[in-house]
Protein backbone atom coordinates (compact mmCIF):
# COMPACT_ATOMS: atom_id res chain seq x y z
CA MET A 1 41.02 -15.33 -25.90
CA ILE A 2 44.78 -15.50 -26.43
CA PHE A 3 45.20 -14.28 -30.00
CA ALA A 4 43.35 -12.16 -32.55
CA VAL A 5 44.49 -10.83 -35.90
CA PRO A 6 42.81 -9.21 -38.93
CA GLY A 7 41.79 -11.69 -41.63
CA HIS A 8 40.74 -15.32 -41.52
CA GLY A 9 42.90 -17.11 -44.06
CA LYS A 10 46.33 -18.66 -44.36
CA ASP A 11 48.14 -15.53 -43.14
CA ALA A 12 46.10 -15.52 -39.92
CA ILE A 13 47.26 -19.05 -39.06
CA LYS A 14 50.84 -18.16 -39.96
CA ALA A 15 50.65 -15.17 -37.61
CA PHE A 16 49.26 -17.36 -34.81
CA SER A 17 52.07 -19.88 -35.30
CA ALA A 18 54.63 -17.07 -35.08
CA PHE A 19 52.89 -15.73 -31.97
CA LEU A 20 53.18 -19.10 -30.25
CA SER A 21 56.88 -19.39 -31.08
CA ALA A 22 57.56 -15.83 -29.90
CA HIS A 23 55.98 -16.59 -26.51
CA GLY A 24 57.76 -19.86 -25.82
CA GLY A 25 55.16 -22.10 -27.39
CA ASP A 26 55.57 -24.74 -30.07
CA PRO A 27 53.13 -24.89 -33.03
CA ASP A 28 53.74 -28.65 -33.14
CA ASN A 29 52.00 -28.92 -29.77
CA VAL A 30 48.69 -27.79 -31.28
CA VAL A 31 46.92 -31.11 -31.81
CA GLU A 32 43.31 -30.05 -32.48
CA VAL A 33 41.79 -27.27 -34.58
CA VAL A 34 38.07 -26.55 -34.94
CA CYS A 35 37.07 -24.38 -37.90
CA ASP A 36 34.82 -23.84 -40.89
CA MET A 37 35.46 -25.08 -44.43
CA SER A 38 37.54 -22.13 -45.68
CA GLN A 39 40.18 -23.63 -47.97
CA ALA A 40 42.61 -20.82 -47.18
CA PHE A 41 42.21 -21.47 -43.45
CA LEU A 42 42.61 -25.22 -43.86
CA SER A 43 45.74 -24.72 -45.98
CA GLY A 44 47.13 -22.44 -43.28
CA VAL A 45 46.54 -25.11 -40.64
CA ALA A 46 48.24 -27.78 -42.76
CA GLU A 47 51.30 -25.60 -43.34
CA ASN A 48 51.71 -23.95 -39.94
CA LEU A 49 50.16 -26.41 -37.47
CA PRO A 50 51.29 -29.69 -39.04
CA LYS A 51 50.44 -31.94 -36.07
CA ALA A 52 46.87 -30.68 -35.71
CA GLU A 53 43.81 -32.77 -36.51
CA VAL A 54 40.97 -30.72 -38.01
CA THR A 55 37.36 -30.84 -36.87
CA VAL A 56 34.87 -29.02 -39.09
CA ASP A 57 32.32 -27.57 -36.71
CA TRP A 58 28.78 -28.86 -37.29
CA PHE A 59 27.46 -25.30 -37.00
CA HIS A 60 29.19 -24.37 -40.25
CA ILE A 61 27.76 -27.39 -42.08
CA VAL A 62 24.22 -26.41 -41.08
CA GLN A 63 24.98 -22.79 -41.96
CA THR A 64 26.08 -23.84 -45.46
CA PHE A 65 22.90 -25.83 -46.06
CA THR A 66 20.75 -23.00 -44.70
CA LYS A 67 22.40 -20.51 -47.04
CA ARG A 68 21.83 -22.78 -50.06
CA LEU A 69 18.23 -23.37 -48.96
CA ASP A 70 17.64 -19.62 -49.02
CA GLU A 71 19.03 -19.48 -52.56
CA VAL A 72 16.48 -22.09 -53.64
CA ARG A 73 13.70 -20.15 -51.92
CA LYS A 74 14.63 -16.91 -53.70
CA LYS A 75 14.82 -18.58 -57.10
CA GLU A 76 11.51 -20.37 -56.71
CA ARG A 77 9.78 -17.28 -55.35
CA ARG A 78 10.24 -15.65 -58.75
CA GLU A 79 8.12 -18.41 -60.27
CA GLN A 80 5.47 -19.05 -57.61
CA GLU A 81 4.05 -17.52 -54.47
CA HIS A 82 5.29 -18.77 -51.11
CA PRO A 83 3.44 -18.85 -47.79
CA LYS A 84 3.88 -15.74 -45.69
CA SER A 85 6.40 -15.95 -42.82
CA LEU A 86 8.27 -18.67 -44.74
CA ARG A 87 11.70 -17.03 -44.80
CA TRP A 88 12.28 -17.25 -41.04
CA ALA A 89 10.29 -20.45 -40.64
CA LEU A 90 12.83 -22.23 -42.86
CA LEU A 91 15.43 -21.73 -40.15
CA LYS A 92 13.44 -23.98 -37.83
CA SER A 93 11.96 -27.48 -37.75
CA LEU A 94 8.35 -28.53 -37.26
CA GLU A 95 9.28 -29.65 -33.72
CA ASN A 96 10.80 -26.28 -32.79
CA GLU A 97 9.03 -24.83 -29.75
CA ASN A 98 9.91 -21.30 -30.87
CA LEU A 99 7.82 -21.52 -34.03
CA THR A 100 5.18 -18.80 -34.17
CA PRO A 101 1.69 -19.88 -35.28
CA LYS A 102 2.23 -18.17 -38.64
CA GLN A 103 5.59 -19.90 -39.12
CA LEU A 104 4.06 -23.27 -38.25
CA VAL A 105 1.34 -22.76 -40.86
CA ALA A 106 3.95 -21.66 -43.41
CA LEU A 107 6.00 -24.83 -42.87
CA GLN A 108 2.93 -27.05 -43.02
CA GLU A 109 1.88 -25.44 -46.32
CA LEU A 110 5.43 -25.78 -47.61
CA VAL A 111 5.59 -29.51 -46.90
CA ALA A 112 2.18 -30.04 -48.48
CA ASP A 113 2.96 -28.32 -51.80
CA GLN A 114 6.08 -30.46 -52.55
CA SER A 115 7.91 -27.51 -54.11
CA ALA A 116 11.66 -27.26 -54.66
CA THR A 117 11.90 -25.12 -51.53
CA SER A 118 10.09 -27.86 -49.62
CA ASP A 119 12.57 -30.45 -50.90
CA ALA A 120 15.51 -28.18 -50.02
CA TRP A 121 14.16 -27.69 -46.49
CA VAL A 122 13.80 -31.47 -46.03
CA ILE A 123 17.40 -31.96 -47.22
CA LYS A 124 18.57 -29.44 -44.64
CA GLU A 125 16.41 -30.90 -41.86
CA LYS A 126 17.64 -34.47 -42.49
CA LEU A 127 21.08 -33.32 -41.35
CA ARG A 128 19.70 -33.84 -37.85
CA TRP A 129 19.72 -37.59 -38.53
CA ILE A 130 23.48 -37.43 -39.07
CA GLN A 131 23.98 -35.25 -36.01
CA LYS A 132 22.27 -37.82 -33.78
CA ALA A 133 24.76 -40.58 -34.67
CA SER A 134 26.25 -42.09 -31.52
CA THR A 135 29.69 -43.11 -32.86
CA PRO A 136 32.17 -41.99 -35.54
CA ARG A 137 31.43 -45.16 -37.51
CA ALA A 138 27.69 -44.52 -37.37
CA ALA A 139 28.24 -40.91 -38.41
CA ARG A 140 30.28 -41.98 -41.43
CA TRP A 141 27.62 -44.52 -42.43
CA ARG A 142 24.86 -41.95 -42.09
CA ILE A 143 26.76 -39.33 -44.10
CA THR A 144 27.39 -41.84 -46.90
CA ASN A 145 23.74 -42.89 -47.12
CA TYR A 146 22.44 -39.36 -46.67
CA LEU A 147 24.57 -38.15 -49.59
CA LYS A 148 23.43 -41.03 -51.80
CA VAL A 149 19.73 -40.37 -51.23
CA MET A 150 19.90 -36.57 -51.34
CA LYS A 151 22.05 -36.44 -54.47
CA ALA A 152 19.39 -38.47 -56.25
CA ALA A 153 16.69 -36.08 -55.03
CA VAL A 154 18.64 -33.01 -56.17
CA ALA A 155 19.21 -34.47 -59.64
CA GLU A 156 15.45 -34.48 -60.28
CA LYS A 157 14.91 -30.70 -59.93
CA PRO A 158 17.11 -28.00 -61.53
CA LEU A 159 16.04 -25.50 -58.85
CA LEU A 160 17.79 -27.67 -56.26
CA LYS A 161 21.22 -27.04 -57.77
CA PRO A 162 22.32 -24.89 -54.78
CA MET A 163 21.59 -27.85 -52.48
CA GLY A 164 23.82 -29.98 -54.70
CA LYS A 165 26.65 -27.57 -53.88
CA ALA A 166 25.95 -27.95 -50.18
CA LEU A 167 26.01 -31.73 -50.50
CA ALA A 168 29.33 -31.52 -52.35
CA THR A 169 30.74 -29.42 -49.50
CA LEU A 170 29.69 -32.04 -46.94
CA GLU A 171 31.15 -34.84 -49.05
CA ARG A 172 34.44 -32.99 -49.51
CA HIS A 173 34.87 -32.40 -45.77
CA ALA A 174 33.29 -35.62 -44.49
CA ASP A 175 36.44 -36.80 -42.70
CA ALA A 176 36.76 -33.54 -40.77
CA VAL A 177 33.04 -33.60 -39.97
CA VAL A 178 33.28 -37.14 -38.57
CA ARG A 179 36.25 -35.97 -36.50
CA ARG A 180 33.67 -34.14 -34.37
CA TRP A 181 32.63 -37.51 -32.88
CA LEU A 182 36.25 -38.17 -31.89
CA SER A 183 37.41 -34.77 -30.64
CA GLY A 184 34.14 -33.69 -29.05
CA LEU A 185 35.09 -30.12 -29.93
CA THR A 186 32.91 -27.32 -31.30
CA ASN A 187 33.14 -23.58 -31.91
CA ALA A 188 30.01 -22.96 -29.85
CA ARG A 189 31.70 -20.97 -27.08
CA LEU A 190 33.68 -18.85 -29.51
CA GLU A 191 30.57 -18.20 -31.62
CA GLY A 192 28.87 -16.99 -28.46
CA MET A 193 31.79 -14.73 -27.64
CA ASN A 194 31.77 -13.40 -31.19
CA GLY A 195 28.25 -12.15 -30.53
CA LEU A 196 29.63 -10.13 -27.61
CA PHE A 197 32.44 -8.76 -29.77
CA GLN A 198 30.05 -7.65 -32.52
CA ALA A 199 27.70 -6.10 -29.96
CA ALA A 200 30.62 -4.06 -28.60
CA ARG A 201 31.44 -2.91 -32.12
CA SER A 202 27.83 -1.82 -32.65
CA ARG A 203 27.70 0.08 -29.37
CA ALA A 204 30.87 1.95 -30.34
CA ARG A 205 29.48 2.54 -33.86
CA GLY A 206 32.61 0.89 -35.19
CA TYR A 207 36.25 1.46 -34.27
CA ARG A 208 38.71 3.85 -35.88
CA ASN A 209 41.08 1.01 -36.69
CA GLU A 210 41.44 -2.75 -36.34
CA ALA A 211 43.94 -2.43 -33.50
CA ASN A 212 41.33 -0.75 -31.28
CA PHE A 213 38.76 -3.43 -32.04
CA ILE A 214 41.25 -6.21 -31.33
CA ALA A 215 42.13 -4.54 -28.01
CA MET A 216 38.42 -4.60 -27.11
CA ILE A 217 38.24 -8.29 -28.10
CA TYR A 218 41.08 -9.10 -25.70
CA LEU A 219 39.37 -7.13 -22.93
CA ILE A 220 35.99 -8.83 -23.41
CA GLY A 221 37.55 -12.27 -23.86
CA SER A 222 39.85 -12.00 -20.85
CA PRO A 223 39.09 -13.11 -17.27
CA VAL A 224 39.51 -9.52 -16.05
CA GLY A 225 36.06 -9.55 -14.41
CA ARG A 226 36.95 -12.59 -12.31
CA LEU A 227 40.26 -11.00 -11.37
CA PHE A 228 38.47 -7.90 -10.08
CA ASP A 229 36.05 -10.07 -8.10
CA GLN A 230 38.95 -11.99 -6.57
CA ALA A 231 40.69 -8.74 -5.66
CA LYS A 232 37.55 -7.45 -3.93
CA SER A 233 37.20 -10.65 -1.89
CA THR A 234 40.77 -10.53 -0.54
């Protein structure tokens, strides 16, 4: 962890660019950025890290579809009863080894009833087909065909409108998504570290100000533990 700042938009990228320059770095030397689909963040990258190629992390694509799926579930639940344990089961696939027996039954019932929530879950699950592409060209082909088929499915049911928004997001950022097959980069490690940061915040019941929290982020994200171990061994 080399830099943290409040916010997550254009100003955050501008501050990072200034930080690099102030410490002898050159923003033009940043050639890869991995991020979500925040337009403010992407604009900040374009303006302040002009040589960087952008990879939209696959995690954020799945997260977007999962959020829209939950919107469909909530809307449909007002009109018809859903299987118990469905809410958390929707986060998983039928092949997931962590499915509880109740969640497995809920998914099986969902698939059988052919509801809008069932269709939305299938749309989300079919993202795995794209993820398994072996080359950038194959990924692009799969995205194109996936969008064609799923757009047609969404058009048939008004309740699937939220999934249409998710599909539009994927289509809009398709180039940056395909970039994943070229850069090989993800936010997985940082997402894992973020869990540690948030756990520290919870243990402290919050921090009096952002500066204290950022100081804790630097401490957790630094190699200080390894440095202590090295010092003990010498």
